[in-house]
N, C-alpha and C. Protein backbone atom coordinates (compact mmCIF):
# COMPACT_ATOMS: atom_id res chain seq x y z
N MET A 1 0.84 -1.17 0.00
CA MET A 1 0.00 0.00 0.00
C MET A 1 0.88 1.24 0.00
N ALA A 2 0.28 2.37 -0.35
CA ALA A 2 1.00 3.64 -0.38
C ALA A 2 0.28 4.64 0.50
N GLU A 3 1.04 5.38 1.29
CA GLU A 3 0.50 6.46 2.10
C GLU A 3 0.87 7.77 1.41
N VAL A 4 -0.11 8.60 1.12
CA VAL A 4 0.13 9.87 0.45
C VAL A 4 -0.03 10.98 1.48
N TRP A 5 1.05 11.72 1.72
CA TRP A 5 1.11 12.74 2.77
C TRP A 5 1.31 14.13 2.19
N VAL A 6 0.87 15.15 2.92
CA VAL A 6 1.28 16.53 2.71
C VAL A 6 2.50 16.71 3.61
N ASP A 7 3.65 17.05 3.01
CA ASP A 7 4.90 17.11 3.77
C ASP A 7 5.45 18.54 3.85
N PRO A 8 5.30 19.20 5.01
CA PRO A 8 5.79 20.57 5.16
C PRO A 8 7.30 20.70 4.97
N GLN A 9 8.06 19.68 5.37
CA GLN A 9 9.52 19.74 5.22
C GLN A 9 9.91 19.74 3.74
N TRP A 10 9.27 18.90 2.93
CA TRP A 10 9.52 18.87 1.48
C TRP A 10 9.11 20.20 0.86
N TYR A 11 7.99 20.74 1.29
CA TYR A 11 7.49 22.02 0.78
C TYR A 11 8.52 23.13 1.02
N GLU A 12 9.15 23.14 2.18
CA GLU A 12 10.15 24.17 2.49
C GLU A 12 11.33 24.12 1.54
N CYS A 13 11.62 22.96 0.98
CA CYS A 13 12.75 22.79 0.06
C CYS A 13 12.40 23.22 -1.37
N GLN A 14 11.12 23.42 -1.66
CA GLN A 14 10.66 23.75 -3.00
C GLN A 14 10.49 25.25 -3.13
N SER A 15 10.45 25.72 -4.34
CA SER A 15 10.20 27.14 -4.62
C SER A 15 8.80 27.27 -5.20
N SER A 16 7.85 26.71 -4.54
CA SER A 16 6.49 26.67 -5.05
C SER A 16 5.72 27.94 -4.70
N PRO A 17 5.02 28.50 -5.68
CA PRO A 17 4.16 29.64 -5.38
C PRO A 17 2.83 29.20 -4.75
N ASP A 18 2.56 27.90 -4.76
CA ASP A 18 1.31 27.37 -4.22
C ASP A 18 1.35 27.36 -2.70
N ARG A 19 0.19 27.58 -2.10
CA ARG A 19 0.07 27.55 -0.65
C ARG A 19 0.03 26.10 -0.16
N LEU A 20 0.75 25.83 0.91
CA LEU A 20 0.76 24.50 1.51
C LEU A 20 -0.59 24.21 2.16
N PRO A 21 -1.24 23.11 1.79
CA PRO A 21 -2.49 22.77 2.48
C PRO A 21 -2.20 22.34 3.91
N ASP A 22 -3.21 22.37 4.75
CA ASP A 22 -3.05 21.92 6.13
C ASP A 22 -2.67 20.44 6.13
N PRO A 23 -1.60 20.09 6.86
CA PRO A 23 -1.25 18.67 6.98
C PRO A 23 -2.42 17.91 7.61
N ARG A 24 -2.61 16.70 7.14
CA ARG A 24 -3.71 15.85 7.59
C ARG A 24 -3.23 14.41 7.56
N PRO A 25 -4.03 13.51 8.10
CA PRO A 25 -3.63 12.10 8.01
C PRO A 25 -3.46 11.68 6.54
N PRO A 26 -2.63 10.69 6.30
CA PRO A 26 -2.37 10.30 4.92
C PRO A 26 -3.59 9.65 4.27
N THR A 27 -3.62 9.74 2.96
CA THR A 27 -4.56 8.96 2.16
C THR A 27 -3.87 7.63 1.90
N VAL A 28 -4.54 6.52 2.17
CA VAL A 28 -3.95 5.19 1.97
C VAL A 28 -4.51 4.61 0.67
N VAL A 29 -3.59 4.20 -0.21
CA VAL A 29 -3.98 3.68 -1.51
C VAL A 29 -3.42 2.26 -1.65
N PRO A 30 -4.29 1.26 -1.88
CA PRO A 30 -3.76 -0.09 -2.12
C PRO A 30 -3.07 -0.13 -3.48
N LEU A 31 -1.97 -0.86 -3.54
CA LEU A 31 -1.22 -0.99 -4.80
C LEU A 31 -1.64 -2.28 -5.48
N ARG A 32 -2.49 -2.15 -6.46
CA ARG A 32 -3.03 -3.32 -7.17
C ARG A 32 -2.47 -3.36 -8.58
N GLY A 33 -2.27 -4.55 -9.08
CA GLY A 33 -1.78 -4.70 -10.45
C GLY A 33 -0.27 -4.61 -10.52
N SER A 34 0.22 -4.71 -11.75
CA SER A 34 1.67 -4.72 -11.94
C SER A 34 2.24 -3.34 -12.24
N GLN A 35 1.37 -2.37 -12.60
CA GLN A 35 1.82 -1.01 -12.84
C GLN A 35 0.88 -0.04 -12.14
N VAL A 36 1.46 0.98 -11.50
CA VAL A 36 0.69 1.96 -10.75
C VAL A 36 1.13 3.35 -11.23
N LEU A 37 0.20 4.10 -11.81
CA LEU A 37 0.49 5.45 -12.27
C LEU A 37 0.30 6.44 -11.13
N ILE A 38 1.26 7.36 -10.99
CA ILE A 38 1.19 8.45 -10.01
C ILE A 38 1.06 9.75 -10.79
N GLY A 39 0.08 10.56 -10.43
CA GLY A 39 -0.11 11.83 -11.14
C GLY A 39 -1.34 12.56 -10.66
N ARG A 40 -1.92 13.35 -11.59
CA ARG A 40 -3.14 14.10 -11.28
C ARG A 40 -4.19 13.78 -12.34
N HIS A 41 -5.41 13.65 -11.91
CA HIS A 41 -6.54 13.31 -12.76
C HIS A 41 -6.79 14.40 -13.81
N SER A 42 -7.11 13.97 -15.03
CA SER A 42 -7.52 14.89 -16.08
C SER A 42 -8.57 14.20 -16.94
N GLU A 43 -9.80 14.69 -16.83
CA GLU A 43 -10.86 14.12 -17.66
C GLU A 43 -10.61 14.41 -19.12
N ILE A 44 -10.18 15.62 -19.42
CA ILE A 44 -9.94 16.04 -20.82
C ILE A 44 -8.89 15.16 -21.48
N LYS A 45 -7.82 14.84 -20.76
CA LYS A 45 -6.73 14.03 -21.31
C LYS A 45 -6.91 12.55 -21.01
N ALA A 46 -8.02 12.18 -20.39
CA ALA A 46 -8.33 10.79 -20.04
C ALA A 46 -7.22 10.15 -19.20
N ILE A 47 -6.77 10.88 -18.19
CA ILE A 47 -5.74 10.36 -17.29
C ILE A 47 -6.37 10.14 -15.92
N THR A 48 -6.32 8.90 -15.46
CA THR A 48 -6.85 8.54 -14.15
C THR A 48 -5.77 7.77 -13.40
N PRO A 49 -4.91 8.49 -12.67
CA PRO A 49 -3.82 7.81 -11.96
C PRO A 49 -4.35 6.96 -10.81
N HIS A 50 -3.62 5.89 -10.51
CA HIS A 50 -3.96 5.05 -9.36
C HIS A 50 -3.70 5.81 -8.06
N ILE A 51 -2.60 6.56 -8.03
CA ILE A 51 -2.30 7.43 -6.90
C ILE A 51 -2.49 8.85 -7.41
N ASP A 52 -3.63 9.45 -7.02
CA ASP A 52 -4.01 10.78 -7.52
C ASP A 52 -3.56 11.85 -6.54
N CYS A 53 -2.65 12.70 -6.99
CA CYS A 53 -2.11 13.80 -6.19
C CYS A 53 -2.79 15.10 -6.61
N GLU A 54 -4.11 15.06 -6.70
CA GLU A 54 -4.92 16.11 -7.30
C GLU A 54 -4.69 17.51 -6.74
N LEU A 55 -4.39 17.65 -5.47
CA LEU A 55 -4.26 18.98 -4.88
C LEU A 55 -2.89 19.63 -5.13
N ASP A 56 -1.90 18.86 -5.52
CA ASP A 56 -0.54 19.36 -5.69
C ASP A 56 -0.28 19.68 -7.17
N ALA A 57 -0.38 20.96 -7.53
CA ALA A 57 -0.17 21.37 -8.92
C ALA A 57 1.26 21.15 -9.39
N GLY A 58 2.20 20.90 -8.47
CA GLY A 58 3.58 20.60 -8.84
C GLY A 58 3.77 19.18 -9.33
N VAL A 59 2.72 18.35 -9.22
CA VAL A 59 2.76 16.98 -9.72
C VAL A 59 2.21 16.99 -11.14
N SER A 60 2.95 16.39 -12.07
CA SER A 60 2.50 16.30 -13.45
C SER A 60 1.32 15.34 -13.58
N ARG A 61 0.56 15.46 -14.65
CA ARG A 61 -0.59 14.57 -14.87
C ARG A 61 -0.13 13.11 -14.88
N ARG A 62 0.92 12.82 -15.63
CA ARG A 62 1.55 11.49 -15.65
C ARG A 62 2.96 11.68 -15.10
N HIS A 63 3.09 11.66 -13.79
CA HIS A 63 4.34 12.05 -13.14
C HIS A 63 5.34 10.89 -13.05
N ALA A 64 4.90 9.78 -12.47
CA ALA A 64 5.80 8.65 -12.25
C ALA A 64 5.00 7.35 -12.32
N GLN A 65 5.72 6.26 -12.41
CA GLN A 65 5.07 4.95 -12.46
C GLN A 65 5.83 3.96 -11.59
N LEU A 66 5.07 3.15 -10.86
CA LEU A 66 5.62 2.02 -10.11
C LEU A 66 5.32 0.77 -10.91
N THR A 67 6.33 -0.06 -11.10
CA THR A 67 6.16 -1.34 -11.79
C THR A 67 6.61 -2.44 -10.84
N ARG A 68 5.74 -3.41 -10.65
CA ARG A 68 6.06 -4.51 -9.74
C ARG A 68 7.27 -5.28 -10.29
N HIS A 69 8.23 -5.56 -9.39
CA HIS A 69 9.45 -6.26 -9.77
C HIS A 69 9.87 -7.16 -8.61
N ASN A 70 9.87 -8.47 -8.84
CA ASN A 70 10.18 -9.44 -7.79
C ASN A 70 9.33 -9.16 -6.56
N LEU A 71 9.95 -8.90 -5.40
CA LEU A 71 9.20 -8.65 -4.18
C LEU A 71 9.00 -7.16 -3.91
N GLY A 72 9.44 -6.31 -4.82
CA GLY A 72 9.33 -4.87 -4.62
C GLY A 72 8.78 -4.19 -5.86
N TRP A 73 9.28 -2.98 -6.08
CA TRP A 73 8.81 -2.13 -7.17
C TRP A 73 10.00 -1.47 -7.84
N VAL A 74 9.80 -1.01 -9.06
CA VAL A 74 10.73 -0.11 -9.73
C VAL A 74 9.96 1.18 -9.94
N VAL A 75 10.53 2.31 -9.50
CA VAL A 75 9.90 3.61 -9.72
C VAL A 75 10.61 4.29 -10.88
N GLU A 76 9.81 4.90 -11.75
CA GLU A 76 10.35 5.58 -12.92
C GLU A 76 9.65 6.93 -13.08
N ASP A 77 10.43 7.98 -13.26
CA ASP A 77 9.85 9.28 -13.57
C ASP A 77 9.44 9.26 -15.03
N LEU A 78 8.27 9.80 -15.33
CA LEU A 78 7.73 9.76 -16.70
C LEU A 78 7.93 11.08 -17.44
N GLY A 79 9.05 11.74 -17.16
CA GLY A 79 9.34 13.02 -17.81
C GLY A 79 8.60 14.17 -17.15
N SER A 80 8.39 14.06 -15.85
CA SER A 80 7.67 15.10 -15.10
C SER A 80 8.44 16.42 -15.13
N ALA A 81 7.71 17.51 -14.91
CA ALA A 81 8.33 18.83 -14.90
C ALA A 81 9.24 19.04 -13.69
N ASN A 82 8.91 18.42 -12.55
CA ASN A 82 9.64 18.69 -11.31
C ASN A 82 10.44 17.53 -10.76
N GLY A 83 10.44 16.40 -11.43
CA GLY A 83 11.25 15.26 -11.00
C GLY A 83 10.62 14.43 -9.90
N THR A 84 11.18 13.25 -9.72
CA THR A 84 10.78 12.31 -8.68
C THR A 84 12.03 12.02 -7.84
N TYR A 85 11.89 12.16 -6.54
CA TYR A 85 13.00 12.00 -5.61
C TYR A 85 12.70 10.82 -4.71
N VAL A 86 13.73 10.06 -4.35
CA VAL A 86 13.54 8.85 -3.55
C VAL A 86 14.51 8.85 -2.37
N SER A 87 13.99 8.43 -1.21
CA SER A 87 14.79 8.28 0.00
C SER A 87 14.39 6.97 0.66
N ASN A 88 15.21 6.51 1.57
CA ASN A 88 14.87 5.31 2.34
C ASN A 88 14.29 5.64 3.71
N VAL A 89 14.32 6.93 4.08
CA VAL A 89 13.89 7.35 5.41
C VAL A 89 13.05 8.62 5.29
N VAL A 90 11.90 8.65 5.97
CA VAL A 90 11.08 9.85 6.02
C VAL A 90 11.89 10.96 6.67
N GLY A 91 11.90 12.13 6.07
CA GLY A 91 12.63 13.27 6.62
C GLY A 91 14.02 13.44 6.07
N ASP A 92 14.56 12.40 5.41
CA ASP A 92 15.86 12.50 4.77
C ASP A 92 15.58 13.00 3.35
N ILE A 93 15.60 14.32 3.17
CA ILE A 93 15.21 14.93 1.91
C ILE A 93 16.33 14.73 0.88
N PRO A 94 16.03 14.04 -0.23
CA PRO A 94 17.05 13.80 -1.25
C PRO A 94 17.33 15.08 -2.05
N ASP A 95 18.56 15.18 -2.57
CA ASP A 95 18.98 16.35 -3.33
C ASP A 95 18.73 16.23 -4.83
N ASP A 96 18.80 15.02 -5.35
CA ASP A 96 18.74 14.83 -6.80
C ASP A 96 17.59 13.92 -7.19
N PRO A 97 16.90 14.27 -8.29
CA PRO A 97 15.83 13.38 -8.78
C PRO A 97 16.42 12.12 -9.40
N ILE A 98 15.62 11.08 -9.45
CA ILE A 98 16.07 9.86 -10.11
C ILE A 98 16.15 10.14 -11.61
N ASP A 99 17.08 9.46 -12.29
CA ASP A 99 17.21 9.68 -13.73
C ASP A 99 16.89 8.42 -14.54
N ALA A 100 16.61 7.33 -13.86
CA ALA A 100 16.24 6.09 -14.54
C ALA A 100 15.42 5.27 -13.56
N GLY A 101 14.91 4.14 -14.03
CA GLY A 101 14.14 3.27 -13.14
C GLY A 101 14.98 2.86 -11.94
N LEU A 102 14.38 2.92 -10.76
CA LEU A 102 15.09 2.63 -9.53
C LEU A 102 14.34 1.58 -8.73
N PRO A 103 14.97 0.43 -8.42
CA PRO A 103 14.30 -0.58 -7.59
C PRO A 103 14.10 -0.05 -6.17
N ILE A 104 12.90 -0.25 -5.63
CA ILE A 104 12.57 0.18 -4.28
C ILE A 104 11.72 -0.89 -3.61
N GLY A 105 11.62 -0.82 -2.31
CA GLY A 105 10.81 -1.78 -1.56
C GLY A 105 10.00 -1.09 -0.49
N SER A 106 9.44 -1.89 0.39
CA SER A 106 8.64 -1.36 1.49
C SER A 106 9.50 -0.40 2.32
N GLY A 107 8.92 0.73 2.67
CA GLY A 107 9.63 1.74 3.43
C GLY A 107 10.22 2.84 2.57
N ALA A 108 10.25 2.65 1.25
CA ALA A 108 10.77 3.69 0.36
C ALA A 108 9.88 4.92 0.44
N VAL A 109 10.52 6.08 0.31
CA VAL A 109 9.80 7.35 0.38
C VAL A 109 10.01 8.10 -0.93
N LEU A 110 8.92 8.46 -1.59
CA LEU A 110 8.97 9.23 -2.82
C LEU A 110 8.53 10.66 -2.52
N TYR A 111 9.29 11.61 -3.02
CA TYR A 111 8.96 13.02 -2.89
C TYR A 111 8.72 13.57 -4.29
N LEU A 112 7.60 14.26 -4.47
CA LEU A 112 7.31 14.84 -5.76
C LEU A 112 6.41 16.05 -5.61
N GLY A 113 6.38 16.86 -6.67
CA GLY A 113 5.54 18.05 -6.63
C GLY A 113 6.01 19.06 -5.61
N SER A 114 5.05 19.84 -5.11
CA SER A 114 5.36 20.90 -4.16
C SER A 114 5.39 20.44 -2.72
N TRP A 115 4.64 19.36 -2.41
CA TRP A 115 4.56 18.92 -1.01
C TRP A 115 4.21 17.45 -0.85
N THR A 116 4.13 16.69 -1.93
CA THR A 116 3.66 15.32 -1.84
C THR A 116 4.78 14.36 -1.45
N ARG A 117 4.49 13.57 -0.41
CA ARG A 117 5.37 12.49 0.02
C ARG A 117 4.55 11.20 -0.05
N ILE A 118 5.11 10.18 -0.67
CA ILE A 118 4.46 8.87 -0.77
C ILE A 118 5.36 7.85 -0.10
N VAL A 119 4.82 7.15 0.88
CA VAL A 119 5.58 6.12 1.60
C VAL A 119 4.99 4.77 1.24
N LEU A 120 5.83 3.87 0.75
CA LEU A 120 5.39 2.52 0.42
C LEU A 120 5.44 1.66 1.67
N ARG A 121 4.38 0.95 1.93
CA ARG A 121 4.29 0.08 3.11
C ARG A 121 3.92 -1.33 2.66
N GLN A 122 4.40 -2.29 3.41
CA GLN A 122 4.02 -3.68 3.16
C GLN A 122 2.55 -3.82 3.46
N GLY A 123 1.82 -4.39 2.55
CA GLY A 123 0.39 -4.61 2.76
C GLY A 123 0.04 -6.03 2.41
N ALA A 124 -1.21 -6.34 2.58
CA ALA A 124 -1.68 -7.67 2.22
C ALA A 124 -1.54 -7.88 0.73
N PRO A 125 -1.15 -9.05 0.25
CA PRO A 125 -1.04 -9.30 -1.18
C PRO A 125 -2.39 -9.09 -1.86
N VAL A 126 -2.33 -8.55 -3.08
CA VAL A 126 -3.56 -8.32 -3.85
C VAL A 126 -3.53 -9.09 -5.15
């Protein structure tokens, strides 16, 4: 499963003109299937991401993708405007975006957009 958070610490590192929403409990998204699209919904472009970061305008419509690989995932940036950043620990803000597919597992932390943090957690098999 994935926990989608509003992260004030990540927001402080960005130069976003957008206002930070009030932090709240995470949205929990089950990770089903072999590919999971991360982005923002667009009816006009027929984009319906599995992990919808609708409130964060810094997230591209088709921002990143998780692909199931062995017992974990591979995360790939899909040419987003602001990049996809990965850490192994919440609060350890990475400096550089990933430039190719990166194998990750439970506990991996993805930072994207102006304030979005996604934490992968071990969940029940689907």
